[in-house]
Amino acid sequence: MRIDILTLFPLMFEGFLTESIIKRAIEKEKVTINIINFRDYSLDPHHKVDDTPYGGGSGMVLTPQPIMDAVDDLKTEDAKVILLTPDGIKYTQQMAYSLSNCKHLIIICGHYEGFDERIRSIVDMEISIGDYVLTGGELPSMVITDSIVRLIDGVIDKESHLNDSFNDNLLDYPTYTKPRVYRGMEVPSVLLNGNHKEIEEYRKSEALKRTMERRPDLLEK
């Protein structure tokens, strides 16, 4: 998979690309992640990428030329172009699974007060990671990239993500490790008896219970 991220702040991605699972996925050549500063595509003599909004108002708006030219330059036959915006579709685990099957993603990070509406004409999908506003799309792009890359075959053990929260609209079941007793709290005995059928039934029951208590809205789906 190839992921191109368009941003004005490429240095924000240094730690993200050089640590943990993302780093290993890149080293194993499961994914190629390119960070592109779309300021480099600006035709303005001073590499300006924003301007004041028509009709007045506060803040600066990203101009269409640098972003649209960057996408034209990077786009392949298999590319899906994603715009990160608070008014996009709310991101879900199901969307992560779908996007993990794509060959090429181009992710546009917005910034400042917003972006010229005409940029929407070149995108295939608009995504929001939640009902709140951030200073830019860099953090959401990392969230989405991380959620996708871990689902690519060979990046992590497949069983690890099949049991993730939100699969089958359920939160994950509680897990335990050594020691067996800590500060008076004991590991449930069912997890120690070696009966795999009972363990599976316990985990399903606990996942349902946790979802009912914490996210009953998921069960309504």
N, C-alpha and C. Protein backbone atom coordinates (compact mmCIF):
# COMPACT_ATOMS: atom_id res chain seq x y z
N MET A 1 0.84 -1.19 0.00
CA MET A 1 0.00 0.00 0.00
C MET A 1 0.88 1.25 0.00
N ARG A 2 0.38 2.27 -0.67
CA ARG A 2 1.06 3.57 -0.68
C ARG A 2 0.11 4.61 -0.09
N ILE A 3 0.64 5.41 0.85
CA ILE A 3 -0.14 6.48 1.47
C ILE A 3 0.64 7.77 1.32
N ASP A 4 0.03 8.75 0.65
CA ASP A 4 0.61 10.09 0.51
C ASP A 4 -0.19 11.04 1.40
N ILE A 5 0.50 11.75 2.28
CA ILE A 5 -0.15 12.69 3.18
C ILE A 5 0.29 14.10 2.82
N LEU A 6 -0.67 14.95 2.47
CA LEU A 6 -0.38 16.34 2.10
C LEU A 6 -0.55 17.22 3.33
N THR A 7 0.50 17.94 3.70
CA THR A 7 0.50 18.71 4.93
C THR A 7 1.37 19.95 4.78
N LEU A 8 1.18 20.91 5.65
CA LEU A 8 2.07 22.07 5.74
C LEU A 8 3.11 21.90 6.85
N PHE A 9 2.99 20.81 7.61
CA PHE A 9 3.87 20.61 8.77
C PHE A 9 4.45 19.20 8.77
N PRO A 10 5.34 18.90 7.83
CA PRO A 10 5.89 17.54 7.73
C PRO A 10 6.67 17.07 8.95
N LEU A 11 7.26 17.99 9.70
CA LEU A 11 8.05 17.59 10.86
C LEU A 11 7.19 16.94 11.95
N MET A 12 5.88 17.18 11.92
CA MET A 12 4.99 16.57 12.91
C MET A 12 4.97 15.05 12.79
N PHE A 13 5.40 14.51 11.65
CA PHE A 13 5.27 13.08 11.39
C PHE A 13 6.54 12.30 11.70
N GLU A 14 7.59 12.97 12.17
CA GLU A 14 8.87 12.28 12.35
C GLU A 14 8.77 11.12 13.34
N GLY A 15 8.27 11.36 14.53
CA GLY A 15 8.13 10.28 15.50
C GLY A 15 7.13 9.23 15.07
N PHE A 16 6.07 9.66 14.44
CA PHE A 16 5.02 8.75 13.99
C PHE A 16 5.56 7.70 13.04
N LEU A 17 6.47 8.08 12.15
CA LEU A 17 6.98 7.17 11.14
C LEU A 17 8.16 6.34 11.60
N THR A 18 8.74 6.68 12.74
CA THR A 18 9.98 6.02 13.15
C THR A 18 9.85 5.23 14.44
N GLU A 19 8.63 4.93 14.84
CA GLU A 19 8.40 4.17 16.06
C GLU A 19 7.38 3.06 15.84
N SER A 20 7.47 2.02 16.64
CA SER A 20 6.44 1.01 16.82
C SER A 20 6.02 0.32 15.51
N ILE A 21 4.73 0.03 15.41
CA ILE A 21 4.20 -0.80 14.33
C ILE A 21 4.34 -0.12 12.97
N ILE A 22 4.16 1.19 12.91
CA ILE A 22 4.30 1.91 11.64
C ILE A 22 5.72 1.74 11.10
N LYS A 23 6.70 1.91 11.96
CA LYS A 23 8.09 1.74 11.55
C LYS A 23 8.34 0.34 11.01
N ARG A 24 7.84 -0.68 11.73
CA ARG A 24 8.06 -2.06 11.30
C ARG A 24 7.36 -2.36 9.97
N ALA A 25 6.16 -1.80 9.80
CA ALA A 25 5.43 -2.01 8.54
C ALA A 25 6.19 -1.41 7.36
N ILE A 26 6.80 -0.26 7.57
CA ILE A 26 7.59 0.37 6.51
C ILE A 26 8.83 -0.46 6.22
N GLU A 27 9.51 -0.92 7.27
CA GLU A 27 10.72 -1.72 7.09
C GLU A 27 10.42 -3.05 6.40
N LYS A 28 9.25 -3.62 6.66
CA LYS A 28 8.85 -4.88 6.03
C LYS A 28 8.26 -4.66 4.64
N GLU A 29 8.23 -3.40 4.20
CA GLU A 29 7.73 -3.01 2.88
C GLU A 29 6.27 -3.38 2.68
N LYS A 30 5.52 -3.34 3.79
CA LYS A 30 4.07 -3.55 3.71
C LYS A 30 3.36 -2.26 3.29
N VAL A 31 4.01 -1.12 3.56
CA VAL A 31 3.41 0.17 3.24
C VAL A 31 4.52 1.17 2.95
N THR A 32 4.22 2.08 2.04
CA THR A 32 5.08 3.23 1.78
C THR A 32 4.31 4.48 2.16
N ILE A 33 4.86 5.28 3.06
CA ILE A 33 4.18 6.49 3.52
C ILE A 33 5.03 7.70 3.13
N ASN A 34 4.46 8.57 2.30
CA ASN A 34 5.15 9.77 1.85
C ASN A 34 4.50 10.99 2.47
N ILE A 35 5.31 11.86 3.06
CA ILE A 35 4.82 13.11 3.63
C ILE A 35 5.18 14.23 2.66
N ILE A 36 4.18 14.87 2.10
CA ILE A 36 4.40 15.89 1.08
C ILE A 36 3.96 17.26 1.59
N ASN A 37 4.87 18.22 1.55
CA ASN A 37 4.53 19.59 1.91
C ASN A 37 3.92 20.26 0.68
N PHE A 38 2.61 20.48 0.71
CA PHE A 38 1.98 21.02 -0.50
C PHE A 38 2.34 22.49 -0.74
N ARG A 39 3.05 23.11 0.20
CA ARG A 39 3.58 24.45 -0.06
C ARG A 39 4.57 24.41 -1.23
N ASP A 40 5.21 23.26 -1.42
CA ASP A 40 6.16 23.12 -2.52
C ASP A 40 5.50 23.23 -3.89
N TYR A 41 4.20 23.08 -3.94
CA TYR A 41 3.47 23.16 -5.20
C TYR A 41 2.90 24.56 -5.47
N SER A 42 3.08 25.46 -4.53
CA SER A 42 2.54 26.81 -4.70
C SER A 42 3.24 27.54 -5.83
N LEU A 43 2.47 28.23 -6.67
CA LEU A 43 3.02 29.03 -7.76
C LEU A 43 3.28 30.47 -7.33
N ASP A 44 2.90 30.78 -6.11
CA ASP A 44 3.14 32.12 -5.57
C ASP A 44 4.65 32.32 -5.35
N PRO A 45 5.17 33.51 -5.66
CA PRO A 45 6.62 33.75 -5.50
C PRO A 45 7.11 33.51 -4.07
N HIS A 46 6.23 33.68 -3.09
CA HIS A 46 6.59 33.48 -1.69
C HIS A 46 6.04 32.15 -1.14
N HIS A 47 5.60 31.28 -2.03
CA HIS A 47 5.06 29.96 -1.66
C HIS A 47 3.85 30.07 -0.73
N LYS A 48 3.06 31.11 -0.95
CA LYS A 48 1.87 31.31 -0.14
C LYS A 48 0.81 30.27 -0.50
N VAL A 49 0.10 29.78 0.50
CA VAL A 49 -0.92 28.74 0.26
C VAL A 49 -2.29 29.12 0.81
N ASP A 50 -2.41 30.33 1.36
CA ASP A 50 -3.69 30.73 1.94
C ASP A 50 -3.98 32.19 1.62
N ASP A 51 -5.25 32.58 1.83
CA ASP A 51 -5.64 33.96 1.57
C ASP A 51 -6.91 34.26 2.36
N THR A 52 -7.30 35.53 2.36
CA THR A 52 -8.49 35.94 3.10
C THR A 52 -9.75 35.44 2.39
N PRO A 53 -10.80 35.16 3.13
CA PRO A 53 -12.03 34.63 2.51
C PRO A 53 -12.83 35.70 1.79
N TYR A 54 -13.35 35.35 0.63
CA TYR A 54 -14.31 36.22 -0.05
C TYR A 54 -15.54 36.39 0.84
N GLY A 55 -16.08 37.59 0.88
CA GLY A 55 -17.26 37.86 1.70
C GLY A 55 -16.91 38.27 3.12
N GLY A 56 -15.61 38.25 3.44
CA GLY A 56 -15.19 38.64 4.77
C GLY A 56 -15.23 37.50 5.76
N GLY A 57 -14.74 37.75 6.94
CA GLY A 57 -14.71 36.74 7.99
C GLY A 57 -13.31 36.60 8.56
N SER A 58 -13.21 35.89 9.66
CA SER A 58 -11.92 35.75 10.35
C SER A 58 -11.10 34.64 9.74
N GLY A 59 -9.80 34.70 9.98
CA GLY A 59 -8.91 33.61 9.58
C GLY A 59 -8.54 33.62 8.12
N MET A 60 -7.72 32.63 7.77
CA MET A 60 -7.23 32.47 6.40
C MET A 60 -7.73 31.14 5.83
N VAL A 61 -7.91 31.11 4.52
CA VAL A 61 -8.45 29.94 3.84
C VAL A 61 -7.41 29.37 2.89
N LEU A 62 -7.24 28.06 2.89
CA LEU A 62 -6.31 27.41 1.97
C LEU A 62 -6.78 27.59 0.54
N THR A 63 -5.87 28.02 -0.33
CA THR A 63 -6.21 28.24 -1.73
C THR A 63 -6.21 26.91 -2.49
N PRO A 64 -6.96 26.80 -3.57
CA PRO A 64 -7.08 25.51 -4.26
C PRO A 64 -5.86 25.09 -5.05
N GLN A 65 -5.12 26.04 -5.62
CA GLN A 65 -4.05 25.68 -6.56
C GLN A 65 -2.99 24.71 -6.02
N PRO A 66 -2.35 25.00 -4.87
CA PRO A 66 -1.30 24.07 -4.42
C PRO A 66 -1.80 22.65 -4.15
N ILE A 67 -2.93 22.55 -3.49
CA ILE A 67 -3.45 21.23 -3.14
C ILE A 67 -3.91 20.47 -4.38
N MET A 68 -4.62 21.13 -5.25
CA MET A 68 -5.14 20.45 -6.44
C MET A 68 -4.01 20.05 -7.39
N ASP A 69 -2.99 20.89 -7.52
CA ASP A 69 -1.84 20.53 -8.34
C ASP A 69 -1.07 19.37 -7.73
N ALA A 70 -0.95 19.34 -6.41
CA ALA A 70 -0.25 18.25 -5.73
C ALA A 70 -0.98 16.93 -5.97
N VAL A 71 -2.30 16.94 -5.84
CA VAL A 71 -3.08 15.73 -6.06
C VAL A 71 -2.94 15.27 -7.51
N ASP A 72 -3.00 16.21 -8.45
CA ASP A 72 -2.83 15.85 -9.87
C ASP A 72 -1.49 15.17 -10.10
N ASP A 73 -0.47 15.65 -9.43
CA ASP A 73 0.88 15.12 -9.62
C ASP A 73 1.03 13.72 -8.99
N LEU A 74 0.38 13.50 -7.86
CA LEU A 74 0.56 12.26 -7.11
C LEU A 74 -0.42 11.15 -7.50
N LYS A 75 -1.54 11.54 -8.07
CA LYS A 75 -2.64 10.58 -8.27
C LYS A 75 -2.27 9.47 -9.25
N THR A 76 -2.64 8.26 -8.87
CA THR A 76 -2.48 7.10 -9.73
C THR A 76 -3.87 6.56 -10.08
N GLU A 77 -3.88 5.55 -10.91
CA GLU A 77 -5.15 4.94 -11.33
C GLU A 77 -5.91 4.36 -10.15
N ASP A 78 -5.18 3.89 -9.13
CA ASP A 78 -5.81 3.24 -7.97
C ASP A 78 -6.04 4.18 -6.79
N ALA A 79 -5.73 5.44 -6.96
CA ALA A 79 -5.75 6.36 -5.81
C ALA A 79 -7.16 6.69 -5.34
N LYS A 80 -7.33 6.75 -4.01
CA LYS A 80 -8.54 7.28 -3.38
C LYS A 80 -8.10 8.53 -2.61
N VAL A 81 -8.73 9.66 -2.90
CA VAL A 81 -8.34 10.94 -2.30
C VAL A 81 -9.27 11.23 -1.12
N ILE A 82 -8.67 11.46 0.05
CA ILE A 82 -9.43 11.69 1.29
C ILE A 82 -9.15 13.09 1.81
N LEU A 83 -10.21 13.81 2.12
CA LEU A 83 -10.09 15.13 2.72
C LEU A 83 -10.50 15.04 4.18
N LEU A 84 -9.65 15.51 5.08
CA LEU A 84 -9.96 15.49 6.50
C LEU A 84 -10.64 16.81 6.88
N THR A 85 -11.86 16.71 7.38
CA THR A 85 -12.65 17.89 7.68
C THR A 85 -13.68 17.57 8.76
N PRO A 86 -13.98 18.52 9.66
CA PRO A 86 -14.96 18.26 10.72
C PRO A 86 -16.35 17.90 10.21
N ASP A 87 -16.67 18.28 8.97
CA ASP A 87 -18.01 17.95 8.46
C ASP A 87 -18.00 16.71 7.56
N GLY A 88 -16.94 15.90 7.66
CA GLY A 88 -16.90 14.65 6.93
C GLY A 88 -17.64 13.53 7.65
N ILE A 89 -17.64 12.35 7.06
CA ILE A 89 -18.26 11.17 7.67
C ILE A 89 -17.44 10.76 8.88
N LYS A 90 -18.11 10.43 9.98
CA LYS A 90 -17.39 10.04 11.19
C LYS A 90 -16.68 8.70 10.97
N TYR A 91 -15.41 8.66 11.30
CA TYR A 91 -14.55 7.51 11.05
C TYR A 91 -14.91 6.34 11.96
N THR A 92 -14.88 5.13 11.40
CA THR A 92 -15.22 3.91 12.15
C THR A 92 -14.22 2.80 11.82
N GLN A 93 -14.25 1.75 12.63
CA GLN A 93 -13.40 0.59 12.39
C GLN A 93 -13.75 -0.08 11.06
N GLN A 94 -15.02 -0.07 10.71
CA GLN A 94 -15.44 -0.66 9.44
C GLN A 94 -14.82 0.09 8.26
N MET A 95 -14.73 1.42 8.38
CA MET A 95 -14.08 2.21 7.33
C MET A 95 -12.59 1.90 7.26
N ALA A 96 -11.98 1.66 8.42
CA ALA A 96 -10.56 1.29 8.44
C ALA A 96 -10.33 0.00 7.67
N TYR A 97 -11.18 -1.00 7.90
CA TYR A 97 -11.06 -2.26 7.17
C TYR A 97 -11.19 -2.04 5.67
N SER A 98 -12.16 -1.23 5.27
CA SER A 98 -12.38 -0.97 3.85
C SER A 98 -11.17 -0.28 3.22
N LEU A 99 -10.65 0.75 3.89
CA LEU A 99 -9.52 1.50 3.35
C LEU A 99 -8.24 0.68 3.34
N SER A 100 -8.13 -0.30 4.24
CA SER A 100 -6.91 -1.12 4.28
C SER A 100 -6.77 -1.99 3.04
N ASN A 101 -7.83 -2.11 2.27
CA ASN A 101 -7.78 -2.88 1.02
C ASN A 101 -7.42 -2.03 -0.19
N CYS A 102 -7.25 -0.73 0.01
CA CYS A 102 -6.90 0.16 -1.09
C CYS A 102 -5.41 0.05 -1.40
N LYS A 103 -5.04 0.31 -2.63
CA LYS A 103 -3.64 0.28 -3.04
C LYS A 103 -2.96 1.62 -2.82
N HIS A 104 -3.72 2.70 -2.93
CA HIS A 104 -3.10 4.03 -2.85
C HIS A 104 -4.10 5.01 -2.23
N LEU A 105 -3.68 5.67 -1.16
CA LEU A 105 -4.49 6.70 -0.51
C LEU A 105 -3.74 8.03 -0.55
N ILE A 106 -4.46 9.09 -0.86
CA ILE A 106 -3.93 10.44 -0.76
C ILE A 106 -4.76 11.16 0.29
N ILE A 107 -4.12 11.58 1.39
CA ILE A 107 -4.84 12.19 2.50
C ILE A 107 -4.46 13.67 2.59
N ILE A 108 -5.47 14.54 2.55
CA ILE A 108 -5.24 15.98 2.58
C ILE A 108 -5.51 16.50 3.99
N CYS A 109 -4.49 17.12 4.59
CA CYS A 109 -4.63 17.73 5.91
C CYS A 109 -4.99 19.21 5.75
N GLY A 110 -6.16 19.58 6.22
CA GLY A 110 -6.54 20.98 6.21
C GLY A 110 -5.83 21.75 7.31
N HIS A 111 -5.91 23.06 7.25
CA HIS A 111 -5.33 23.89 8.30
C HIS A 111 -5.94 25.28 8.20
N TYR A 112 -5.56 26.14 9.13
CA TYR A 112 -6.08 27.50 9.21
C TYR A 112 -7.60 27.47 9.40
N GLU A 113 -8.30 28.44 8.82
CA GLU A 113 -9.74 28.55 9.06
C GLU A 113 -10.56 27.57 8.22
N GLY A 114 -9.92 27.03 7.18
CA GLY A 114 -10.64 26.10 6.31
C GLY A 114 -9.96 26.04 4.96
N PHE A 115 -10.68 25.51 3.98
CA PHE A 115 -10.11 25.37 2.65
C PHE A 115 -11.13 25.82 1.61
N ASP A 116 -10.63 26.25 0.47
CA ASP A 116 -11.49 26.66 -0.63
C ASP A 116 -12.42 25.52 -1.02
N GLU A 117 -13.69 25.82 -1.14
CA GLU A 117 -14.71 24.80 -1.40
C GLU A 117 -14.42 24.00 -2.66
N ARG A 118 -13.74 24.58 -3.62
CA ARG A 118 -13.48 23.89 -4.89
C ARG A 118 -12.54 22.69 -4.73
N ILE A 119 -11.82 22.63 -3.62
CA ILE A 119 -10.96 21.47 -3.37
C ILE A 119 -11.79 20.20 -3.24
N ARG A 120 -13.01 20.34 -2.77
CA ARG A 120 -13.89 19.16 -2.63
C ARG A 120 -14.12 18.45 -3.97
N SER A 121 -13.96 19.16 -5.07
CA SER A 121 -14.26 18.57 -6.39
C SER A 121 -13.29 17.46 -6.77
N ILE A 122 -12.14 17.36 -6.10
CA ILE A 122 -11.15 16.36 -6.48
C ILE A 122 -11.05 15.21 -5.47
N VAL A 123 -11.89 15.23 -4.43
CA VAL A 123 -11.78 14.20 -3.40
C VAL A 123 -12.85 13.12 -3.58
N ASP A 124 -12.52 11.93 -3.11
CA ASP A 124 -13.45 10.80 -3.18
C ASP A 124 -14.18 10.58 -1.87
N MET A 125 -13.62 11.11 -0.78
CA MET A 125 -14.18 10.81 0.54
C MET A 125 -13.78 11.91 1.51
N GLU A 126 -14.71 12.33 2.37
CA GLU A 126 -14.42 13.31 3.41
C GLU A 126 -14.63 12.65 4.76
N ILE A 127 -13.63 12.76 5.64
CA ILE A 127 -13.64 12.02 6.90
C ILE A 127 -13.42 12.97 8.07
N SER A 128 -14.15 12.70 9.16
CA SER A 128 -13.94 13.35 10.45
C SER A 128 -13.66 12.27 11.47
N ILE A 129 -12.74 12.53 12.42
CA ILE A 129 -12.48 11.53 13.46
C ILE A 129 -13.30 11.79 14.72
N GLY A 130 -14.16 12.80 14.71
CA GLY A 130 -15.00 13.05 15.87
C GLY A 130 -15.61 14.43 15.85
N ASP A 131 -16.57 14.64 16.73
CA ASP A 131 -17.30 15.91 16.78
C ASP A 131 -16.56 16.95 17.61
N TYR A 132 -15.39 17.33 17.13
CA TYR A 132 -14.61 18.38 17.76
C TYR A 132 -13.68 18.94 16.69
N VAL A 133 -13.07 20.08 16.98
CA VAL A 133 -12.24 20.76 15.98
C VAL A 133 -10.80 20.82 16.45
N LEU A 134 -9.87 20.45 15.58
CA LEU A 134 -8.43 20.53 15.85
C LEU A 134 -7.82 21.65 15.03
N THR A 135 -6.56 21.98 15.30
CA THR A 135 -5.92 23.06 14.55
C THR A 135 -5.57 22.65 13.13
N GLY A 136 -5.52 21.38 12.86
CA GLY A 136 -5.21 20.91 11.52
C GLY A 136 -5.49 19.43 11.37
N GLY A 137 -5.27 18.92 10.16
CA GLY A 137 -5.57 17.53 9.88
C GLY A 137 -4.43 16.56 10.12
N GLU A 138 -3.31 17.06 10.66
CA GLU A 138 -2.15 16.19 10.84
C GLU A 138 -2.43 15.05 11.83
N LEU A 139 -2.94 15.37 13.01
CA LEU A 139 -3.24 14.32 13.98
C LEU A 139 -4.29 13.34 13.46
N PRO A 140 -5.41 13.80 12.87
CA PRO A 140 -6.35 12.85 12.28
C PRO A 140 -5.72 11.97 11.21
N SER A 141 -4.82 12.52 10.41
CA SER A 141 -4.19 11.70 9.37
C SER A 141 -3.35 10.59 9.98
N MET A 142 -2.72 10.87 11.11
CA MET A 142 -1.95 9.83 11.80
C MET A 142 -2.88 8.77 12.39
N VAL A 143 -3.98 9.20 12.97
CA VAL A 143 -4.95 8.27 13.54
C VAL A 143 -5.46 7.32 12.46
N ILE A 144 -5.85 7.88 11.33
CA ILE A 144 -6.40 7.07 10.24
C ILE A 144 -5.33 6.15 9.65
N THR A 145 -4.14 6.67 9.44
CA THR A 145 -3.06 5.86 8.89
C THR A 145 -2.72 4.70 9.82
N ASP A 146 -2.61 4.97 11.12
CA ASP A 146 -2.31 3.91 12.08
C ASP A 146 -3.38 2.83 12.07
N SER A 147 -4.65 3.25 12.05
CA SER A 147 -5.75 2.28 12.09
C SER A 147 -5.79 1.41 10.84
N ILE A 148 -5.33 1.96 9.71
CA ILE A 148 -5.33 1.22 8.45
C ILE A 148 -4.13 0.28 8.36
N VAL A 149 -2.95 0.81 8.66
CA VAL A 149 -1.71 0.03 8.47
C VAL A 149 -1.72 -1.24 9.31
N ARG A 150 -2.23 -1.17 10.54
CA ARG A 150 -2.23 -2.35 11.41
C ARG A 150 -3.11 -3.47 10.87
N LEU A 151 -4.00 -3.15 9.93
CA LEU A 151 -4.90 -4.15 9.35
C LEU A 151 -4.34 -4.80 8.08
N ILE A 152 -3.24 -4.25 7.56
CA ILE A 152 -2.64 -4.83 6.36
C ILE A 152 -2.05 -6.19 6.69
N ASP A 153 -2.30 -7.17 5.82
CA ASP A 153 -1.79 -8.53 6.05
C ASP A 153 -0.29 -8.52 6.31
N GLY A 154 0.11 -9.18 7.39
CA GLY A 154 1.51 -9.31 7.69
C GLY A 154 2.08 -8.24 8.59
N VAL A 155 1.28 -7.22 8.93
CA VAL A 155 1.78 -6.15 9.80
C VAL A 155 1.70 -6.59 11.27
N ILE A 156 0.52 -7.06 11.69
CA ILE A 156 0.38 -7.66 13.01
C ILE A 156 -0.34 -8.99 12.87
N ASP A 157 -0.35 -9.78 13.92
CA ASP A 157 -1.05 -11.06 13.92
C ASP A 157 -2.53 -10.81 13.64
N LYS A 158 -3.08 -11.51 12.67
CA LYS A 158 -4.45 -11.28 12.24
C LYS A 158 -5.45 -11.42 13.39
N GLU A 159 -5.21 -12.39 14.28
CA GLU A 159 -6.13 -12.62 15.40
C GLU A 159 -6.21 -11.39 16.31
N SER A 160 -5.12 -10.62 16.36
CA SER A 160 -5.08 -9.44 17.23
C SER A 160 -6.14 -8.42 16.83
N HIS A 161 -6.32 -8.19 15.52
CA HIS A 161 -7.31 -7.19 15.14
C HIS A 161 -8.70 -7.76 14.92
N LEU A 162 -8.79 -9.08 14.75
CA LEU A 162 -10.13 -9.67 14.63
C LEU A 162 -10.90 -9.57 15.94
N ASN A 163 -10.18 -9.50 17.06
CA ASN A 163 -10.82 -9.39 18.37
C ASN A 163 -10.86 -7.95 18.88
N ASP A 164 -10.58 -6.99 18.02
CA ASP A 164 -10.58 -5.59 18.43
C ASP A 164 -11.96 -5.12 18.86
N SER A 165 -11.96 -4.06 19.66
CA SER A 165 -13.22 -3.36 19.94
C SER A 165 -13.84 -2.89 18.62
N PHE A 166 -15.19 -2.85 18.61
CA PHE A 166 -16.00 -2.36 17.50
C PHE A 166 -16.22 -3.39 16.40
N ASN A 167 -15.48 -4.50 16.42
CA ASN A 167 -15.86 -5.58 15.52
C ASN A 167 -17.17 -6.16 16.02
N ASP A 168 -18.10 -6.41 15.14
CA ASP A 168 -19.44 -6.90 15.49
C ASP A 168 -20.17 -5.93 16.42
N ASN A 169 -19.80 -4.64 16.37
CA ASN A 169 -20.45 -3.61 17.18
C ASN A 169 -20.36 -3.89 18.67
N LEU A 170 -19.27 -4.50 19.10
CA LEU A 170 -19.05 -4.77 20.52
C LEU A 170 -17.70 -4.20 20.95
N LEU A 171 -17.63 -3.75 22.20
CA LEU A 171 -16.34 -3.40 22.76
C LEU A 171 -15.58 -4.67 23.09
N ASP A 172 -14.28 -4.54 23.30
CA ASP A 172 -13.45 -5.71 23.56
C ASP A 172 -13.71 -6.25 24.97
N TYR A 173 -13.46 -7.54 25.16
CA TYR A 173 -13.61 -8.16 26.47
C TYR A 173 -12.40 -7.80 27.35
N PRO A 174 -12.52 -7.89 28.69
CA PRO A 174 -11.39 -7.60 29.58
C PRO A 174 -10.31 -8.66 29.45
N THR A 175 -9.06 -8.24 29.57
CA THR A 175 -7.93 -9.17 29.51
C THR A 175 -7.07 -9.05 30.76
N TYR A 176 -6.34 -10.11 31.07
CA TYR A 176 -5.51 -10.16 32.28
C TYR A 176 -4.17 -10.83 31.95
N THR A 177 -3.17 -10.55 32.77
CA THR A 177 -1.90 -11.25 32.68
C THR A 177 -1.34 -11.43 34.09
N LYS A 178 -0.15 -11.94 34.22
CA LYS A 178 0.45 -12.18 35.54
C LYS A 178 0.70 -10.86 36.28
N PRO A 179 0.60 -10.83 37.61
CA PRO A 179 0.38 -11.97 38.51
C PRO A 179 -1.10 -12.32 38.62
N ARG A 180 -1.36 -13.52 39.14
CA ARG A 180 -2.73 -14.01 39.26
C ARG A 180 -3.54 -13.16 40.25
N VAL A 181 -2.87 -12.70 41.32
CA VAL A 181 -3.52 -11.84 42.31
C VAL A 181 -2.67 -10.58 42.47
N TYR A 182 -3.28 -9.42 42.39
CA TYR A 182 -2.55 -8.17 42.58
C TYR A 182 -3.43 -7.19 43.34
N ARG A 183 -2.92 -6.72 44.48
CA ARG A 183 -3.64 -5.81 45.36
C ARG A 183 -5.03 -6.33 45.70
N GLY A 184 -5.10 -7.64 45.91
CA GLY A 184 -6.35 -8.27 46.29
C GLY A 184 -7.28 -8.56 45.14
N MET A 185 -6.92 -8.17 43.93
CA MET A 185 -7.77 -8.41 42.75
C MET A 185 -7.28 -9.65 42.03
N GLU A 186 -8.20 -10.61 41.83
CA GLU A 186 -7.85 -11.90 41.24
C GLU A 186 -8.28 -11.99 39.79
N VAL A 187 -7.51 -12.74 39.03
CA VAL A 187 -7.90 -13.07 37.66
C VAL A 187 -9.09 -14.01 37.70
N PRO A 188 -10.15 -13.79 36.90
CA PRO A 188 -11.31 -14.70 36.91
C PRO A 188 -10.88 -16.15 36.69
N SER A 189 -11.40 -17.03 37.50
CA SER A 189 -10.98 -18.44 37.48
C SER A 189 -11.24 -19.11 36.14
N VAL A 190 -12.27 -18.67 35.42
CA VAL A 190 -12.60 -19.30 34.14
C VAL A 190 -11.44 -19.20 33.16
N LEU A 191 -10.61 -18.15 33.29
CA LEU A 191 -9.49 -17.97 32.37
C LEU A 191 -8.31 -18.88 32.70
N LEU A 192 -8.41 -19.58 33.82
CA LEU A 192 -7.31 -20.43 34.28
C LEU A 192 -7.61 -21.91 34.16
N ASN A 193 -8.84 -22.26 33.76
CA ASN A 193 -9.23 -23.67 33.80
C ASN A 193 -8.89 -24.45 32.53
N GLY A 194 -8.41 -23.78 31.50
CA GLY A 194 -8.00 -24.47 30.29
C GLY A 194 -9.13 -24.91 29.39
N ASN A 195 -10.38 -24.61 29.76
CA ASN A 195 -11.53 -25.00 28.93
C ASN A 195 -11.79 -23.88 27.92
N HIS A 196 -11.38 -24.09 26.69
CA HIS A 196 -11.43 -23.02 25.68
C HIS A 196 -12.87 -22.61 25.33
N LYS A 197 -13.78 -23.56 25.39
CA LYS A 197 -15.17 -23.23 25.10
C LYS A 197 -15.74 -22.30 26.17
N GLU A 198 -15.46 -22.62 27.43
CA GLU A 198 -15.93 -21.77 28.52
C GLU A 198 -15.28 -20.39 28.48
N ILE A 199 -14.00 -20.36 28.12
CA ILE A 199 -13.30 -19.07 28.01
C ILE A 199 -13.92 -18.21 26.91
N GLU A 200 -14.21 -18.83 25.78
CA GLU A 200 -14.82 -18.09 24.67
C GLU A 200 -16.20 -17.55 25.06
N GLU A 201 -16.99 -18.38 25.74
CA GLU A 201 -18.32 -17.94 26.18
C GLU A 201 -18.22 -16.80 27.19
N TYR A 202 -17.23 -16.91 28.10
CA TYR A 202 -17.00 -15.84 29.09
C TYR A 202 -16.65 -14.53 28.39
N ARG A 203 -15.77 -14.59 27.44
CA ARG A 203 -15.33 -13.38 26.74
C ARG A 203 -16.46 -12.74 25.95
N LYS A 204 -17.27 -13.55 25.31
CA LYS A 204 -18.42 -13.00 24.57
C LYS A 204 -19.39 -12.33 25.54
N SER A 205 -19.63 -12.99 26.67
CA SER A 205 -20.55 -12.44 27.67
C SER A 205 -20.02 -11.12 28.24
N GLU A 206 -18.72 -11.06 28.54
CA GLU A 206 -18.13 -9.85 29.09
C GLU A 206 -18.11 -8.72 28.07
N ALA A 207 -17.86 -9.05 26.79
CA ALA A 207 -17.87 -8.03 25.74
C ALA A 207 -19.26 -7.42 25.62
N LEU A 208 -20.29 -8.26 25.67
CA LEU A 208 -21.67 -7.77 25.60
C LEU A 208 -22.00 -6.91 26.81
N LYS A 209 -21.61 -7.38 27.99
CA LYS A 209 -21.87 -6.64 29.23
C LYS A 209 -21.19 -5.27 29.20
N ARG A 210 -19.94 -5.24 28.79
CA ARG A 210 -19.20 -3.97 28.74
C ARG A 210 -19.83 -3.01 27.74
N THR A 211 -20.26 -3.53 26.61
CA THR A 211 -20.89 -2.68 25.59
C THR A 211 -22.22 -2.12 26.10
N MET A 212 -22.99 -2.95 26.78
CA MET A 212 -24.27 -2.50 27.33
C MET A 212 -24.07 -1.38 28.35
N GLU A 213 -22.99 -1.49 29.15
CA GLU A 213 -22.74 -0.50 30.19
C GLU A 213 -22.16 0.79 29.65
N ARG A 214 -21.26 0.69 28.66
CA ARG A 214 -20.49 1.85 28.25
C ARG A 214 -20.92 2.44 26.90
N ARG A 215 -21.36 1.59 25.97
CA ARG A 215 -21.74 2.07 24.64
C ARG A 215 -23.00 1.37 24.15
N PRO A 216 -24.13 1.57 24.84
CA PRO A 216 -25.36 0.90 24.41
C PRO A 216 -25.78 1.31 22.99
N ASP A 217 -25.30 2.46 22.51
CA ASP A 217 -25.63 2.89 21.16
C ASP A 217 -25.11 1.91 20.11
N LEU A 218 -24.01 1.22 20.42
CA LEU A 218 -23.48 0.25 19.47
C LEU A 218 -24.42 -0.93 19.28
N LEU A 219 -25.10 -1.32 20.35
CA LEU A 219 -26.02 -2.46 20.27
C LEU A 219 -27.24 -2.14 19.44
N GLU A 220 -27.60 -0.86 19.38
CA GLU A 220 -28.75 -0.46 18.58
C GLU A 220 -28.51 -0.65 17.09
N LYS A 221 -27.22 -0.76 16.72
CA LYS A 221 -26.88 -0.98 15.30
C LYS A 221 -27.08 -2.43 14.90
